[in-house]
C-alpha atoms as a PDB file:
ATOM      1  CA  MET A   1     103.733  44.607  76.438  1.00  0.00           C
ATOM      2  CA  TYR A   2     105.502  47.798  77.408  1.00  0.00           C
ATOM      3  CA  ARG A   3     102.527  50.146  77.328  1.00  0.00           C
ATOM      4  CA  PRO A   4     101.604  49.734  81.053  1.00  0.00           C
ATOM      5  CA  LYS A   5     105.181  50.489  82.027  1.00  0.00           C
ATOM      6  CA  VAL A   6     105.214  53.602  79.843  1.00  0.00           C
ATOM      7  CA  ILE A   7     101.963  54.774  81.410  1.00  0.00           C
ATOM      8  CA  ARG A   8     103.367  54.153  84.907  1.00  0.00           C
ATOM      9  CA  VAL A   9     106.504  56.108  84.073  1.00  0.00           C
ATOM     10  CA  PHE A  10     104.447  58.944  82.558  1.00  0.00           C
ATOM     11  CA  PHE A  11     102.168  59.301  85.549  1.00  0.00           C
ATOM     12  CA  GLY A  12     105.068  58.837  87.911  1.00  0.00           C
ATOM     13  CA  GLY A  13     106.821  61.740  86.224  1.00  0.00           C
ATOM     14  CA  LEU A  14     103.707  63.872  86.504  1.00  0.00           C
ATOM     15  CA  THR A  15     103.437  63.058  90.191  1.00  0.00           C
ATOM     16  CA  THR A  16     107.056  64.017  90.799  1.00  0.00           C
ATOM     17  CA  LEU A  17     106.609  67.248  88.845  1.00  0.00           C
ATOM     18  CA  PHE A  18     103.468  68.069  90.820  1.00  0.00           C
ATOM     19  CA  LEU A  19     105.196  67.455  94.145  1.00  0.00           C
ATOM     20  CA  VAL A  20     108.178  69.612  93.189  1.00  0.00           C
ATOM     21  CA  ALA A  21     105.889  72.422  92.022  1.00  0.00           C
ATOM     22  CA  ALA A  22     103.762  72.166  95.149  1.00  0.00           C
ATOM     23  CA  ALA A  23     106.837  72.306  97.356  1.00  0.00           C
ATOM     24  CA  TYR A  24     108.175  75.319  95.491  1.00  0.00           C
ATOM     25  CA  PHE A  25     104.986  77.350  95.478  1.00  0.00           C
ATOM     26  CA  GLY A  26     104.088  76.229  98.977  1.00  0.00           C
ATOM     27  CA  ARG A  27     107.440  77.507 100.169  1.00  0.00           C
ATOM     28  CA  GLY A  28     106.733  80.840  98.494  1.00  0.00           C
ATOM     29  CA  LEU A  29     103.321  81.078 100.115  1.00  0.00           C
ATOM     30  CA  TYR A  30     104.784  80.233 103.498  1.00  0.00           C
ATOM     31  CA  GLN A  31     107.439  82.909 103.139  1.00  0.00           C
ATOM     32  CA  GLY A  32     104.888  85.453 101.979  1.00  0.00           C
ATOM     33  CA  ALA A  33     102.561  84.835 104.928  1.00  0.00           C
ATOM     34  CA  MET A  34     104.688  86.856 107.344  1.00  0.00           C
ATOM     35  CA  THR A  35     103.335  87.412 110.833  1.00  0.00           C
ATOM     36  CA  ILE A  36     103.473  90.661 112.805  1.00  0.00           C
ATOM     37  CA  HIS A  37     106.072  89.008 115.060  1.00  0.00           C
ATOM     38  CA  GLN A  38     108.357  88.230 112.125  1.00  0.00           C
ATOM     39  CA  LEU A  39     107.892  91.729 110.759  1.00  0.00           C
ATOM     40  CA  LEU A  40     108.832  93.382 114.054  1.00  0.00           C
ATOM     41  CA  GLY A  41     111.704  91.043 114.740  1.00  0.00           C
ATOM     42  CA  GLU A  42     113.442  90.786 111.381  1.00  0.00           C
ATOM     43  CA  ASN A  43     112.701  93.798 109.217  1.00  0.00           C
ATOM     44  CA  LYS A  44     115.517  96.368 109.049  1.00  0.00           C
ATOM     45  CA  GLU A  45     113.435  98.612 106.802  1.00  0.00           C
ATOM     46  CA  LEU A  46     110.785  98.836 109.522  1.00  0.00           C
ATOM     47  CA  LYS A  47     113.393  99.794 112.105  1.00  0.00           C
ATOM     48  CA  GLN A  48     114.777 102.445 109.771  1.00  0.00           C
ATOM     49  CA  ALA A  49     111.272 103.818 109.210  1.00  0.00           C
ATOM     50  CA  ILE A  50     110.640 104.066 112.950  1.00  0.00           C
ATOM     51  CA  SER A  51     113.895 106.020 113.270  1.00  0.00           C
ATOM     52  CA  THR A  52     112.321 108.799 111.201  1.00  0.00           C
ATOM     53  CA  LEU A  53     109.802 109.540 113.938  1.00  0.00           C
ATOM     54  CA  THR A  54     110.677 112.905 115.434  1.00  0.00           C
ATOM     55  CA  THR A  55     111.769 113.241 119.057  1.00  0.00           C
ATOM     56  CA  GLU A  56     109.042 115.775 119.853  1.00  0.00           C
ATOM     57  CA  ASP A  57     106.310 116.989 117.610  1.00  0.00           C
ATOM     58  CA  GLN A  58     103.186 119.076 117.366  1.00  0.00           C
ATOM     59  CA  ILE A  59     100.511 116.721 116.094  1.00  0.00           C
ATOM     60  CA  GLY A  60      97.384 118.852 115.832  1.00  0.00           C
ATOM     61  CA  TYR A  61      94.977 121.054 117.724  1.00  0.00           C
ATOM     62  CA  ALA A  62      91.381 121.620 118.778  1.00  0.00           C
ATOM     63  CA  LYS A  63      89.442 124.850 118.553  1.00  0.00           C
ATOM     64  CA  VAL A  64      86.037 125.804 119.948  1.00  0.00           C
ATOM     65  CA  ILE A  65      83.659 126.856 117.189  1.00  0.00           C
ATOM     66  CA  SER A  66      80.783 127.750 119.500  1.00  0.00           C
ATOM     67  CA  GLN A  67      79.426 127.269 123.004  1.00  0.00           C
ATOM     68  CA  ARG A  68      75.718 127.652 123.690  1.00  0.00           C
ATOM     69  CA  THR A  69      73.034 126.608 126.136  1.00  0.00           C
ATOM     70  CA  GLU A  70      70.057 124.603 124.913  1.00  0.00           C
ATOM     71  CA  GLU A  71      67.332 123.368 127.283  1.00  0.00           C
ATOM     72  CA  GLY A  72      69.603 124.000 130.228  1.00  0.00           C
ATOM     73  CA  ARG A  73      72.530 122.091 128.710  1.00  0.00           C
ATOM     74  CA  LEU A  74      75.864 123.630 127.728  1.00  0.00           C
ATOM     75  CA  LEU A  75      76.910 122.416 124.287  1.00  0.00           C
ATOM     76  CA  THR A  76      80.418 122.820 122.901  1.00  0.00           C
ATOM     77  CA  THR A  77      81.089 122.513 119.183  1.00  0.00           C
ATOM     78  CA  LEU A  78      84.770 122.002 118.469  1.00  0.00           C
ATOM     79  CA  ARG A  79      86.921 121.466 115.426  1.00  0.00           C
ATOM     80  CA  PHE A  80      89.579 118.757 115.749  1.00  0.00           C
ATOM     81  CA  VAL A  81      92.550 119.013 113.391  1.00  0.00           C
ATOM     82  CA  GLU A  82      95.479 116.671 112.830  1.00  0.00           C
ATOM     83  CA  THR A  83      98.508 118.089 111.030  1.00  0.00           C
ATOM     84  CA  SER A  84     101.181 116.622 108.774  1.00  0.00           C
ATOM     85  CA  ARG A  85     104.459 115.319 110.184  1.00  0.00           C
ATOM     86  CA  ASP A  86     106.390 117.367 107.633  1.00  0.00           C
ATOM     87  CA  ASP A  87     104.326 120.554 107.638  1.00  0.00           C
ATOM     88  CA  LYS A  88     102.435 121.717 110.717  1.00  0.00           C
ATOM     89  CA  THR A  89     100.336 124.075 108.598  1.00  0.00           C
ATOM     90  CA  GLN A  90      98.982 121.215 106.467  1.00  0.00           C
ATOM     91  CA  LYS A  91      95.741 119.674 107.726  1.00  0.00           C
ATOM     92  CA  ILE A  92      95.462 115.955 107.052  1.00  0.00           C
ATOM     93  CA  LEU A  93      92.356 115.277 109.130  1.00  0.00           C
ATOM     94  CA  GLN A  94      89.618 117.656 110.216  1.00  0.00           C
ATOM     95  CA  LYS A  95      86.385 116.818 112.051  1.00  0.00           C
ATOM     96  CA  GLU A  96      83.773 118.703 114.058  1.00  0.00           C
ATOM     97  CA  TYR A  97      81.986 117.425 117.151  1.00  0.00           C
ATOM     98  CA  THR A  98      79.226 118.797 119.359  1.00  0.00           C
ATOM     99  CA  ILE A  99      79.528 117.575 122.931  1.00  0.00           C
ATOM    100  CA  GLU A 100      77.609 118.363 126.093  1.00  0.00           C
ATOM    101  CA  GLY A 101      79.655 120.319 128.637  1.00  0.00           C
ATOM    102  CA  ASP A 102      82.968 122.101 128.278  1.00  0.00           C
ATOM    103  CA  VAL A 103      85.389 119.490 129.659  1.00  0.00           C
ATOM    104  CA  ILE A 104      86.467 117.420 126.670  1.00  0.00           C
ATOM    105  CA  HIS A 105      88.586 114.243 126.686  1.00  0.00           C
ATOM    106  CA  PHE A 106      90.877 113.236 123.821  1.00  0.00           C
ATOM    107  CA  ASP A 107      91.811 109.545 123.794  1.00  0.00           C
ATOM    108  CA  ALA A 108      94.828 108.060 121.973  1.00  0.00           C
ATOM    109  CA  LEU A 109      96.745 104.777 121.847  1.00  0.00           C
ATOM    110  CA  ILE A 110     100.514 105.126 122.258  1.00  0.00           C
ATOM    111  CA  VAL A 111     103.211 102.705 121.044  1.00  0.00           C
ATOM    112  CA  LYS A 112     106.605 103.122 122.730  1.00  0.00           C
ATOM    113  CA  PHE A 113     109.620 101.469 121.084  1.00  0.00           C
ATOM    114  CA  GLN A 114     112.707 100.345 122.979  1.00  0.00           C
ATOM    115  CA  ASP A 115     116.010 101.945 122.044  1.00  0.00           C
ATOM    116  CA  GLU A 116     117.295  98.830 120.276  1.00  0.00           C
ATOM    117  CA  MET A 117     114.199  98.671 118.075  1.00  0.00           C
ATOM    118  CA  VAL A 118     115.329 101.668 116.018  1.00  0.00           C
ATOM    119  CA  MET A 119     118.438 102.085 113.899  1.00  0.00           C
ATOM    120  CA  ASP A 120     119.818 105.137 115.719  1.00  0.00           C
ATOM    121  CA  GLY A 121     119.192 103.734 119.209  1.00  0.00           C
ATOM    122  CA  LYS A 122     116.986 106.629 120.348  1.00  0.00           C
ATOM    123  CA  ALA A 123     113.575 106.307 121.946  1.00  0.00           C
ATOM    124  CA  ARG A 124     110.597 106.641 119.632  1.00  0.00           C
ATOM    125  CA  ALA A 125     106.822 106.589 119.979  1.00  0.00           C
ATOM    126  CA  LEU A 126     103.827 106.827 117.693  1.00  0.00           C
ATOM    127  CA  TYR A 127     100.136 107.222 118.384  1.00  0.00           C
ATOM    128  CA  LEU A 128      96.663 106.552 117.056  1.00  0.00           C
ATOM    129  CA  TRP A 129      93.816 108.918 117.888  1.00  0.00           C
ATOM    130  CA  ARG A 130      90.821 106.908 119.080  1.00  0.00           C
ATOM    131  CA  ARG A 131      87.948 109.110 120.195  1.00  0.00           C
ATOM    132  CA  VAL A 132      86.739 112.326 121.772  1.00  0.00           C
ATOM    133  CA  TYR A 133      84.106 112.514 124.514  1.00  0.00           C
ATOM    134  CA  GLY A 134      82.699 114.806 127.193  1.00  0.00           C
ATOM    135  CA  GLU A 135      82.578 114.453 130.972  1.00  0.00           C
ATOM    136  CA  LYS A 136      78.923 113.426 130.806  1.00  0.00           C
ATOM    137  CA  MET A 137      79.726 110.516 128.485  1.00  0.00           C
ATOM    138  CA  THR A 138      81.463 107.179 128.977  1.00  0.00           C
ATOM    139  CA  PRO A 139      84.542 106.566 126.778  1.00  0.00           C
ATOM    140  CA  GLU A 140      82.586 103.916 124.887  1.00  0.00           C
ATOM    141  CA  GLU A 141      80.033 106.576 123.933  1.00  0.00           C
ATOM    142  CA  GLY A 142      82.753 108.796 122.481  1.00  0.00           C
ATOM    143  CA  TYR A 143      83.009 109.862 118.849  1.00  0.00           C
ATOM    144  CA  ALA A 144      85.634 108.082 116.740  1.00  0.00           C
ATOM    145  CA  ILE A 145      88.577 110.052 115.362  1.00  0.00           C
ATOM    146  CA  GLU A 146      90.559 107.357 113.552  1.00  0.00           C
ATOM    147  CA  VAL A 147      89.476 103.848 112.571  1.00  0.00           C
ATOM    148  CA  PRO A 148      91.158 101.238 114.845  1.00  0.00           C
ATOM    149  CA  GLY A 149      93.458  98.960 112.855  1.00  0.00           C
ATOM    150  CA  ALA A 150      93.629 101.311 109.879  1.00  0.00           C
ATOM    151  CA  GLU A 151      96.711 103.251 108.836  1.00  0.00           C
ATOM    152  CA  PRO A 152      96.638 106.686 110.541  1.00  0.00           C
ATOM    153  CA  LYS A 153      96.711 109.531 108.011  1.00  0.00           C
ATOM    154  CA  ARG A 154      99.660 111.125 109.788  1.00  0.00           C
ATOM    155  CA  TYR A 155     101.782 108.022 109.159  1.00  0.00           C
ATOM    156  CA  SER A 156     100.666 107.349 105.589  1.00  0.00           C
ATOM    157  CA  ASP A 157     104.267 107.593 104.351  1.00  0.00           C
ATOM    158  CA  LEU A 158     106.037 106.140 107.382  1.00  0.00           C
ATOM    159  CA  LEU A 159     106.236 102.583 106.066  1.00  0.00           C
ATOM    160  CA  LYS A 160     106.504 103.362 102.359  1.00  0.00           C
ATOM    161  CA  VAL A 161     109.743 101.333 102.111  1.00  0.00           C
ATOM    162  CA  LEU A 162     107.784  98.187 102.996  1.00  0.00           C
ATOM    163  CA  PRO A 163     105.604  96.124 100.647  1.00  0.00           C
ATOM    164  CA  ILE A 164     101.958  97.128 100.879  1.00  0.00           C
ATOM    165  CA  GLU A 165     100.993  93.804 102.491  1.00  0.00           C
ATOM    166  CA  HIS A 166     103.540  94.385 105.273  1.00  0.00           C
ATOM    167  CA  GLN A 167     102.223  97.898 105.842  1.00  0.00           C
ATOM    168  CA  GLU A 168      98.696  96.549 106.197  1.00  0.00           C
ATOM    169  CA  LEU A 169      99.944  93.780 108.487  1.00  0.00           C
ATOM    170  CA  PHE A 170     101.668  96.276 110.784  1.00  0.00           C
ATOM    171  CA  TRP A 171      98.706  98.634 111.195  1.00  0.00           C
ATOM    172  CA  ALA A 172      96.123  95.875 111.474  1.00  0.00           C
ATOM    173  CA  ASN A 173      97.978  93.996 114.224  1.00  0.00           C
ATOM    174  CA  ILE A 174     100.171  96.403 116.190  1.00  0.00           C
ATOM    175  CA  TRP A 175      97.388  97.400 118.564  1.00  0.00           C
ATOM    176  CA  ASP A 176      96.494  93.772 119.341  1.00  0.00           C
ATOM    177  CA  LEU A 177      99.889  93.281 120.993  1.00  0.00           C
ATOM    178  CA  ALA A 178      98.811  95.539 123.864  1.00  0.00           C
ATOM    179  CA  ASN A 179      97.449  92.554 125.769  1.00  0.00           C
ATOM    180  CA  ASN A 180     100.643  90.487 125.528  1.00  0.00           C
ATOM    181  CA  PRO A 181     103.509  92.132 127.510  1.00  0.00           C
ATOM    182  CA  GLU A 182     105.949  89.263 126.879  1.00  0.00           C
ATOM    183  CA  GLN A 183     105.631  89.584 123.123  1.00  0.00           C
ATOM    184  CA  LEU A 184     105.889  93.364 123.383  1.00  0.00           C
ATOM    185  CA  ALA A 185     109.293  93.079 125.078  1.00  0.00           C
ATOM    186  CA  GLN A 186     110.387  90.375 122.636  1.00  0.00           C
ATOM    187  CA  HIS A 187     109.754  92.661 119.687  1.00  0.00           C
ATOM    188  CA  GLY A 188     111.312  95.829 121.053  1.00  0.00           C
ATOM    189  CA  ILE A 189     108.118  97.558 122.177  1.00  0.00           C
ATOM    190  CA  LYS A 190     108.068  98.954 125.707  1.00  0.00           C
ATOM    191  CA  ALA A 191     104.314  99.389 125.878  1.00  0.00           C
ATOM    192  CA  ILE A 192     101.079  99.997 124.061  1.00  0.00           C
ATOM    193  CA  TYR A 193      98.653 101.890 126.228  1.00  0.00           C
ATOM    194  CA  GLY A 194      95.897 104.457 126.277  1.00  0.00           C
ATOM    195  CA  ASN A 195      96.644 108.115 126.925  1.00  0.00           C
ATOM    196  CA  VAL A 196      93.732 110.430 127.679  1.00  0.00           C
ATOM    197  CA  ILE A 197      94.152 114.171 127.990  1.00  0.00           C
ATOM    198  CA  TYR A 198      91.362 116.593 128.780  1.00  0.00           C
ATOM    199  CA  SER A 199      90.818 120.313 129.065  1.00  0.00           C
ATOM    200  CA  GLN A 200      88.066 122.745 129.912  1.00  0.00           C
ATOM    201  CA  LEU A 201      87.577 124.328 126.508  1.00  0.00           C
ATOM    202  CA  ARG A 202      86.874 128.019 125.985  1.00  0.00           C
ATOM    203  CA  GLU A 203      86.259 130.139 122.917  1.00  0.00           C
ATOM    204  CA  GLY A 204      89.227 132.275 121.844  1.00  0.00           C
ATOM    205  CA  LEU A 205      91.827 129.608 122.663  1.00  0.00           C
ATOM    206  CA  ILE A 206      93.497 126.930 120.544  1.00  0.00           C
ATOM    207  CA  TYR A 207      94.479 123.686 122.267  1.00  0.00           C
ATOM    208  CA  VAL A 208      97.681 122.359 120.698  1.00  0.00           C
ATOM    209  CA  PHE A 209      98.474 118.646 121.027  1.00  0.00           C
ATOM    210  CA  LYS A 210     102.084 117.496 121.290  1.00  0.00           C
ATOM    211  CA  ILE A 211     103.828 114.148 121.759  1.00  0.00           C
ATOM    212  CA  GLY A 212     107.300 113.587 123.209  1.00  0.00           C
ATOM    213  CA  PRO A 213     109.808 110.859 122.256  1.00  0.00           C
ATOM    214  CA  THR A 214     108.749 108.688 125.202  1.00  0.00           C
ATOM    215  CA  GLY A 215     105.095 108.776 124.164  1.00  0.00           C
ATOM    216  CA  HIS A 216     103.983 111.498 126.572  1.00  0.00           C
ATOM    217  CA  LEU A 217     100.939 113.176 125.024  1.00  0.00           C
ATOM    218  CA  TYR A 218     100.081 116.633 126.335  1.00  0.00           C
ATOM    219  CA  VAL A 219      98.199 119.795 125.396  1.00  0.00           C
ATOM    220  CA  GLU A 220      99.144 123.487 125.438  1.00  0.00           C
ATOM    221  CA  ASP A 221      96.637 126.304 125.078  1.00  0.00           C
ATOM    222  CA  VAL A 222      97.445 129.443 123.098  1.00  0.00           C
ATOM    223  CA  PHE A 223      95.399 132.477 122.127  1.00  0.00           C
ATOM    224  CA  ASP A 224      93.650 132.294 118.792  1.00  0.00           C
ATOM    225  CA  MET A 225      95.097 134.917 116.415  1.00  0.00           C
END
């Protein structure tokens, strides 16, 4: 007579156990699925990491390898080099491009952080190299330097204090905020914008790229030694 009741109790217990387990693991999954907005708004480790960005820094250079005329067209072959944050003599990225003409554009995305976004309260900015192109090309026809959404080689250690999934989240989504000014301000970012610099390149000169604390990207030319 009591067997049905025992079965009901048994399955009732299983159901309760299942619901408790589902609630527990579901809570863990919910907490683990952090958004870029939560990461920017709540993570002290991220703010501390951003504080390590230098106030002004040499970030790389370009050098003309050769200039020649073929079929009436001037072609410039240049070597583009990005250097380490800790050692300006260490090359972390090196590519060569051949572009028609001698006026070359270098295109980057800049992220400017508000003072309160960083632990020491000082302005900071970081960048992502996008592409290089000549005056006879449209920007869309330019040659890629870095992969959009990927972690830039120069900042490979910037977010090392964060879990790997949060690092990937930051680099994959930070650029997408450029089209939402309200969310930028909410998360302590002044702006995300493009910065294009260009120069008329000549053999015998090295074109040194620098970035200031406010995100101003500029180039200085020096004689090749």
